[in-house]
C-alpha atoms as a PDB file:
ATOM      1  CA  MET A   1      15.747  19.052  21.115  1.00  0.00           C
ATOM      2  CA  SER A   2      14.139  22.183  22.520  1.00  0.00           C
ATOM      3  CA  GLY A   3      10.888  23.524  21.114  1.00  0.00           C
ATOM      4  CA  ARG A   4      12.669  26.730  20.089  1.00  0.00           C
ATOM      5  CA  LYS A   5      15.360  24.811  18.171  1.00  0.00           C
ATOM      6  CA  GLN A   6      12.668  22.722  16.438  1.00  0.00           C
ATOM      7  CA  GLN A   7      10.848  25.897  15.398  1.00  0.00           C
ATOM      8  CA  GLN A   8      14.078  27.412  14.068  1.00  0.00           C
ATOM      9  CA  ASP A   9      14.882  24.235  12.138  1.00  0.00           C
ATOM     10  CA  LEU A  10      11.376  24.072  10.681  1.00  0.00           C
ATOM     11  CA  ALA A  11      11.599  27.725   9.625  1.00  0.00           C
ATOM     12  CA  LEU A  12      14.930  27.003   7.922  1.00  0.00           C
ATOM     13  CA  ILE A  13      13.483  23.967   6.116  1.00  0.00           C
ATOM     14  CA  LYS A  14      10.655  26.172   4.850  1.00  0.00           C
ATOM     15  CA  GLN A  15      13.241  28.682   3.569  1.00  0.00           C
ATOM     16  CA  LEU A  16      15.077  25.867   1.778  1.00  0.00           C
ATOM     17  CA  GLU A  17      11.789  24.677   0.257  1.00  0.00           C
ATOM     18  CA  LEU A  18      11.209  28.213  -1.040  1.00  0.00           C
ATOM     19  CA  ILE A  19      14.544  27.976  -2.866  1.00  0.00           C
ATOM     20  CA  LEU A  20      13.457  24.620  -4.296  1.00  0.00           C
ATOM     21  CA  ASP A  21      10.080  26.069  -5.290  1.00  0.00           C
ATOM     22  CA  SER A  22      11.844  28.888  -7.163  1.00  0.00           C
ATOM     23  CA  CYS A  23      12.997  26.390  -9.809  1.00  0.00           C
ATOM     24  CA  LYS A  24      11.173  26.991 -13.086  1.00  0.00           C
ATOM     25  CA  LEU A  25      12.727  24.056 -14.941  1.00  0.00           C
ATOM     26  CA  GLU A  26      10.868  20.976 -16.115  1.00  0.00           C
ATOM     27  CA  LEU A  27      12.211  17.679 -14.833  1.00  0.00           C
ATOM     28  CA  SER A  28      14.455  16.093 -17.440  1.00  0.00           C
ATOM     29  CA  ALA A  29      16.242  12.755 -17.617  1.00  0.00           C
ATOM     30  CA  VAL A  30      19.713  14.179 -16.917  1.00  0.00           C
ATOM     31  CA  ASP A  31      21.294  17.577 -16.284  1.00  0.00           C
ATOM     32  CA  GLU A  32      24.819  18.838 -15.713  1.00  0.00           C
ATOM     33  CA  VAL A  33      24.568  20.621 -12.350  1.00  0.00           C
ATOM     34  CA  TRP A  34      28.263  21.410 -11.819  1.00  0.00           C
ATOM     35  CA  PRO A  35      31.128  21.080 -14.296  1.00  0.00           C
ATOM     36  CA  ASN A  36      31.195  17.380 -15.246  1.00  0.00           C
ATOM     37  CA  LEU A  37      28.733  16.447 -12.478  1.00  0.00           C
ATOM     38  CA  TYR A  38      25.335  15.204 -13.621  1.00  0.00           C
ATOM     39  CA  ILE A  39      22.146  14.280 -11.807  1.00  0.00           C
ATOM     40  CA  GLY A  40      19.833  11.921 -13.624  1.00  0.00           C
ATOM     41  CA  ASN A  41      17.224   9.240 -13.373  1.00  0.00           C
ATOM     42  CA  MET A  42      17.449   5.468 -13.505  1.00  0.00           C
ATOM     43  CA  ALA A  43      16.633   5.265 -17.224  1.00  0.00           C
ATOM     44  CA  VAL A  44      19.708   7.339 -18.091  1.00  0.00           C
ATOM     45  CA  ALA A  45      21.889   5.259 -15.788  1.00  0.00           C
ATOM     46  CA  GLN A  46      20.738   2.092 -17.544  1.00  0.00           C
ATOM     47  CA  ASN A  47      21.270   3.475 -21.064  1.00  0.00           C
ATOM     48  CA  LYS A  48      24.872   2.727 -21.988  1.00  0.00           C
ATOM     49  CA  LYS A  49      24.625   4.691 -25.255  1.00  0.00           C
ATOM     50  CA  THR A  50      23.532   7.836 -23.423  1.00  0.00           C
ATOM     51  CA  LEU A  51      26.269   7.401 -20.819  1.00  0.00           C
ATOM     52  CA  SER A  52      28.842   7.019 -23.575  1.00  0.00           C
ATOM     53  CA  ARG A  53      27.509  10.054 -25.469  1.00  0.00           C
ATOM     54  CA  LEU A  54      27.741  12.140 -22.283  1.00  0.00           C
ATOM     55  CA  GLY A  55      31.229  10.799 -21.548  1.00  0.00           C
ATOM     56  CA  ILE A  56      30.239   9.492 -18.096  1.00  0.00           C
ATOM     57  CA  THR A  57      33.163   7.724 -16.392  1.00  0.00           C
ATOM     58  CA  HIS A  58      31.679   7.231 -12.906  1.00  0.00           C
ATOM     59  CA  VAL A  59      28.169   6.291 -11.763  1.00  0.00           C
ATOM     60  CA  LEU A  60      26.902   6.821  -8.223  1.00  0.00           C
ATOM     61  CA  ASN A  61      23.594   5.003  -7.732  1.00  0.00           C
ATOM     62  CA  ALA A  62      21.726   6.414  -4.720  1.00  0.00           C
ATOM     63  CA  ALA A  63      19.027   3.731  -5.129  1.00  0.00           C
ATOM     64  CA  HIS A  64      21.280   0.664  -5.158  1.00  0.00           C
ATOM     65  CA  SER A  65      19.360  -2.559  -4.625  1.00  0.00           C
ATOM     66  CA  LYS A  66      15.986  -0.878  -5.095  1.00  0.00           C
ATOM     67  CA  GLN A  67      13.465  -2.660  -7.288  1.00  0.00           C
ATOM     68  CA  GLY A  68      14.131  -1.878 -10.922  1.00  0.00           C
ATOM     69  CA  SER A  69      17.423  -0.120 -10.231  1.00  0.00           C
ATOM     70  CA  ILE A  70      20.098  -2.029 -12.070  1.00  0.00           C
ATOM     71  CA  GLY A  71      23.477  -1.357 -10.675  1.00  0.00           C
ATOM     72  CA  ASP A  72      26.757  -3.078 -10.131  1.00  0.00           C
ATOM     73  CA  GLN A  73      30.209  -2.984 -11.632  1.00  0.00           C
ATOM     74  CA  CYS A  74      29.420  -5.983 -13.873  1.00  0.00           C
ATOM     75  CA  PHE A  75      26.631  -4.045 -15.606  1.00  0.00           C
ATOM     76  CA  TYR A  76      29.005  -1.196 -16.503  1.00  0.00           C
ATOM     77  CA  ASP A  77      32.028  -3.434 -17.114  1.00  0.00           C
ATOM     78  CA  LYS A  78      35.002  -1.170 -17.886  1.00  0.00           C
ATOM     79  CA  ALA A  79      32.917   1.701 -19.275  1.00  0.00           C
ATOM     80  CA  CYS A  80      32.256   3.292 -15.863  1.00  0.00           C
ATOM     81  CA  VAL A  81      33.372   3.003 -12.265  1.00  0.00           C
ATOM     82  CA  TYR A  82      30.301   2.142 -10.172  1.00  0.00           C
ATOM     83  CA  CYS A  83      29.372   2.932  -6.586  1.00  0.00           C
ATOM     84  CA  GLY A  84      26.040   1.900  -5.082  1.00  0.00           C
ATOM     85  CA  ILE A  85      24.345   3.363  -2.023  1.00  0.00           C
ATOM     86  CA  PRO A  86      21.254   1.511  -0.738  1.00  0.00           C
ATOM     87  CA  ALA A  87      19.288   4.626   0.223  1.00  0.00           C
ATOM     88  CA  GLU A  88      15.572   4.917   0.832  1.00  0.00           C
ATOM     89  CA  ASP A  89      13.669   8.078  -0.055  1.00  0.00           C
ATOM     90  CA  SER A  90      11.856   8.260   3.264  1.00  0.00           C
ATOM     91  CA  ASP A  91      11.336  10.498   6.249  1.00  0.00           C
ATOM     92  CA  HIS A  92      13.387   8.231   8.505  1.00  0.00           C
ATOM     93  CA  PHE A  93      16.359   7.067   6.407  1.00  0.00           C
ATOM     94  CA  ASP A  94      19.729   8.445   7.590  1.00  0.00           C
ATOM     95  CA  LEU A  95      21.349   9.366   4.284  1.00  0.00           C
ATOM     96  CA  SER A  96      23.973  11.432   6.145  1.00  0.00           C
ATOM     97  CA  GLN A  97      25.995   8.265   6.780  1.00  0.00           C
ATOM     98  CA  TYR A  98      26.765   8.312   3.043  1.00  0.00           C
ATOM     99  CA  PHE A  99      27.524  12.047   2.626  1.00  0.00           C
ATOM    100  CA  LYS A 100      31.305  11.733   2.975  1.00  0.00           C
ATOM    101  CA  PRO A 101      31.737   8.464   1.008  1.00  0.00           C
ATOM    102  CA  ALA A 102      29.546   9.861  -1.805  1.00  0.00           C
ATOM    103  CA  ALA A 103      31.399  13.189  -1.836  1.00  0.00           C
ATOM    104  CA  ASP A 104      34.723  11.316  -1.919  1.00  0.00           C
ATOM    105  CA  PHE A 105      33.547   9.132  -4.835  1.00  0.00           C
ATOM    106  CA  ILE A 106      32.304  12.163  -6.785  1.00  0.00           C
ATOM    107  CA  HIS A 107      35.506  14.097  -6.075  1.00  0.00           C
ATOM    108  CA  LYS A 108      37.691  11.181  -7.144  1.00  0.00           C
ATOM    109  CA  GLY A 109      35.613  10.726 -10.314  1.00  0.00           C
ATOM    110  CA  LEU A 110      35.945  14.398 -11.226  1.00  0.00           C
ATOM    111  CA  GLN A 111      39.721  14.214 -10.655  1.00  0.00           C
ATOM    112  CA  PHE A 112      39.923  11.302 -13.097  1.00  0.00           C
ATOM    113  CA  ASP A 113      41.284  12.209 -16.564  1.00  0.00           C
ATOM    114  CA  LYS A 114      38.218  13.568 -18.422  1.00  0.00           C
ATOM    115  CA  GLY A 115      36.117  12.339 -15.526  1.00  0.00           C
ATOM    116  CA  LYS A 116      32.368  12.873 -15.587  1.00  0.00           C
ATOM    117  CA  VAL A 117      30.130  11.657 -12.793  1.00  0.00           C
ATOM    118  CA  LEU A 118      26.455  10.724 -12.948  1.00  0.00           C
ATOM    119  CA  VAL A 119      24.625  10.649  -9.620  1.00  0.00           C
ATOM    120  CA  HIS A 120      21.235   9.002  -9.965  1.00  0.00           C
ATOM    121  CA  CYS A 121      18.376   7.426  -8.081  1.00  0.00           C
ATOM    122  CA  ILE A 122      14.996   6.435  -9.478  1.00  0.00           C
ATOM    123  CA  MET A 123      13.774   9.898 -10.536  1.00  0.00           C
ATOM    124  CA  GLY A 124      16.890  11.998  -9.939  1.00  0.00           C
ATOM    125  CA  VAL A 125      15.076  14.382  -7.597  1.00  0.00           C
ATOM    126  CA  SER A 126      15.662  13.533  -3.919  1.00  0.00           C
ATOM    127  CA  ARG A 127      18.364  10.982  -2.989  1.00  0.00           C
ATOM    128  CA  SER A 128      20.750  11.800  -5.834  1.00  0.00           C
ATOM    129  CA  ALA A 129      20.195  15.539  -5.433  1.00  0.00           C
ATOM    130  CA  THR A 130      20.914  15.280  -1.707  1.00  0.00           C
ATOM    131  CA  LEU A 131      24.224  13.513  -2.330  1.00  0.00           C
ATOM    132  CA  ALA A 132      25.206  16.077  -4.987  1.00  0.00           C
ATOM    133  CA  LEU A 133      24.369  18.877  -2.538  1.00  0.00           C
ATOM    134  CA  ALA A 134      26.492  17.210   0.159  1.00  0.00           C
ATOM    135  CA  TYR A 135      29.382  17.044  -2.336  1.00  0.00           C
ATOM    136  CA  LEU A 136      29.089  20.766  -3.091  1.00  0.00           C
ATOM    137  CA  MET A 137      29.062  21.537   0.629  1.00  0.00           C
ATOM    138  CA  LEU A 138      31.904  19.192   1.603  1.00  0.00           C
ATOM    139  CA  ARG A 139      34.244  19.516  -1.373  1.00  0.00           C
ATOM    140  CA  GLN A 140      33.357  22.853  -2.993  1.00  0.00           C
ATOM    141  CA  ARG A 141      32.728  24.658   0.335  1.00  0.00           C
ATOM    142  CA  LEU A 142      29.322  25.994  -0.732  1.00  0.00           C
ATOM    143  CA  SER A 143      26.750  26.810   1.903  1.00  0.00           C
ATOM    144  CA  LEU A 144      23.584  24.733   1.793  1.00  0.00           C
ATOM    145  CA  GLN A 145      21.613  27.711   0.480  1.00  0.00           C
ATOM    146  CA  ASP A 146      24.207  28.455  -2.212  1.00  0.00           C
ATOM    147  CA  ALA A 147      24.392  24.794  -3.260  1.00  0.00           C
ATOM    148  CA  LEU A 148      20.591  24.602  -3.506  1.00  0.00           C
ATOM    149  CA  SER A 149      20.362  27.895  -5.402  1.00  0.00           C
ATOM    150  CA  HIS A 150      23.022  26.716  -7.839  1.00  0.00           C
ATOM    151  CA  ILE A 151      21.478  23.328  -8.569  1.00  0.00           C
ATOM    152  CA  VAL A 152      17.908  24.595  -9.008  1.00  0.00           C
ATOM    153  CA  GLN A 153      19.209  26.798 -11.818  1.00  0.00           C
ATOM    154  CA  LYS A 154      20.333  23.608 -13.587  1.00  0.00           C
ATOM    155  CA  ARG A 155      17.810  20.923 -12.572  1.00  0.00           C
ATOM    156  CA  ALA A 156      14.421  20.487 -10.951  1.00  0.00           C
ATOM    157  CA  ILE A 157      15.148  18.768  -7.631  1.00  0.00           C
ATOM    158  CA  TYR A 158      13.160  18.235  -4.449  1.00  0.00           C
ATOM    159  CA  PRO A 159      14.926  16.454  -1.577  1.00  0.00           C
ATOM    160  CA  ASN A 160      12.472  15.316   1.071  1.00  0.00           C
ATOM    161  CA  ARG A 161      12.277  17.207   4.385  1.00  0.00           C
ATOM    162  CA  ASN A 162      14.285  14.563   6.204  1.00  0.00           C
ATOM    163  CA  PHE A 163      17.139  14.956   3.715  1.00  0.00           C
ATOM    164  CA  LEU A 164      16.932  18.744   3.938  1.00  0.00           C
ATOM    165  CA  MET A 165      17.240  18.461   7.727  1.00  0.00           C
ATOM    166  CA  LEU A 166      20.256  16.160   7.386  1.00  0.00           C
ATOM    167  CA  LEU A 167      21.874  18.664   4.995  1.00  0.00           C
ATOM    168  CA  HIS A 168      21.100  21.446   7.490  1.00  0.00           C
ATOM    169  CA  LYS A 169      22.854  19.445  10.230  1.00  0.00           C
ATOM    170  CA  LEU A 170      25.833  18.958   7.902  1.00  0.00           C
ATOM    171  CA  SER A 171      25.840  22.706   7.291  1.00  0.00           C
ATOM    172  CA  GLU A 172      25.937  23.386  11.042  1.00  0.00           C
ATOM    173  CA  GLN A 173      28.744  20.847  11.543  1.00  0.00           C
ATOM    174  CA  LEU A 174      30.810  22.338   8.722  1.00  0.00           C
ATOM    175  CA  ALA A 175      30.287  25.883  10.026  1.00  0.00           C
ATOM    176  CA  PHE A 176      31.416  24.804  13.506  1.00  0.00           C
ATOM    177  CA  LYS A 177      34.506  22.989  12.190  1.00  0.00           C
ATOM    178  CA  ARG A 178      35.438  25.902   9.935  1.00  0.00           C
ATOM    179  CA  ARG A 179      35.163  28.338  12.840  1.00  0.00           C
ATOM    180  CA  LEU A 180      37.647  26.165  14.732  1.00  0.00           C
ATOM    181  CA  CYS A 181      39.896  25.652  11.706  1.00  0.00           C
ATOM    182  CA  PRO A 182      39.268  27.961   8.701  1.00  0.00           C
ATOM    183  CA  LEU A 183      41.304  25.672   6.402  1.00  0.00           C
ATOM    184  CA  LEU A 184      38.644  22.931   6.596  1.00  0.00           C
END
């Protein structure tokens, strides 16, 4: 990657972080960030009474197999459809490999009769937020900036810089594909 491209990307990441910094909300256990789409923490995901009260039908765990993160279909039985993604909240983990499968799972869950989807990780700030943002970009056709601006009005999130860069690359790919075929 050229030095100029790296500088442009870094400047864009700083712009995205300014959007994130504009959030005035306190971090809460769970928030509805899009109609019937929730981002929450691990405690909410493990509280079957709260899930039932919220009407959650699908759970996407972005911290599957992480210490302390309970998650499999057996835990939820028939109450919720479960999907686990073994993501790490790090500056080297390639979460983009899960953008499309996560967006497809969320989309399918929202199409379900009275479907409500909870996307969670440990804190509900980085991994889960990144996957929710990818869904809004892939399935709702929002730009990265618009998706970020929308979610920070509903929930305090802070994807790490690596995840912001992966979302930026997704944004560039989608823009290129949509220039070639506007129906995408």
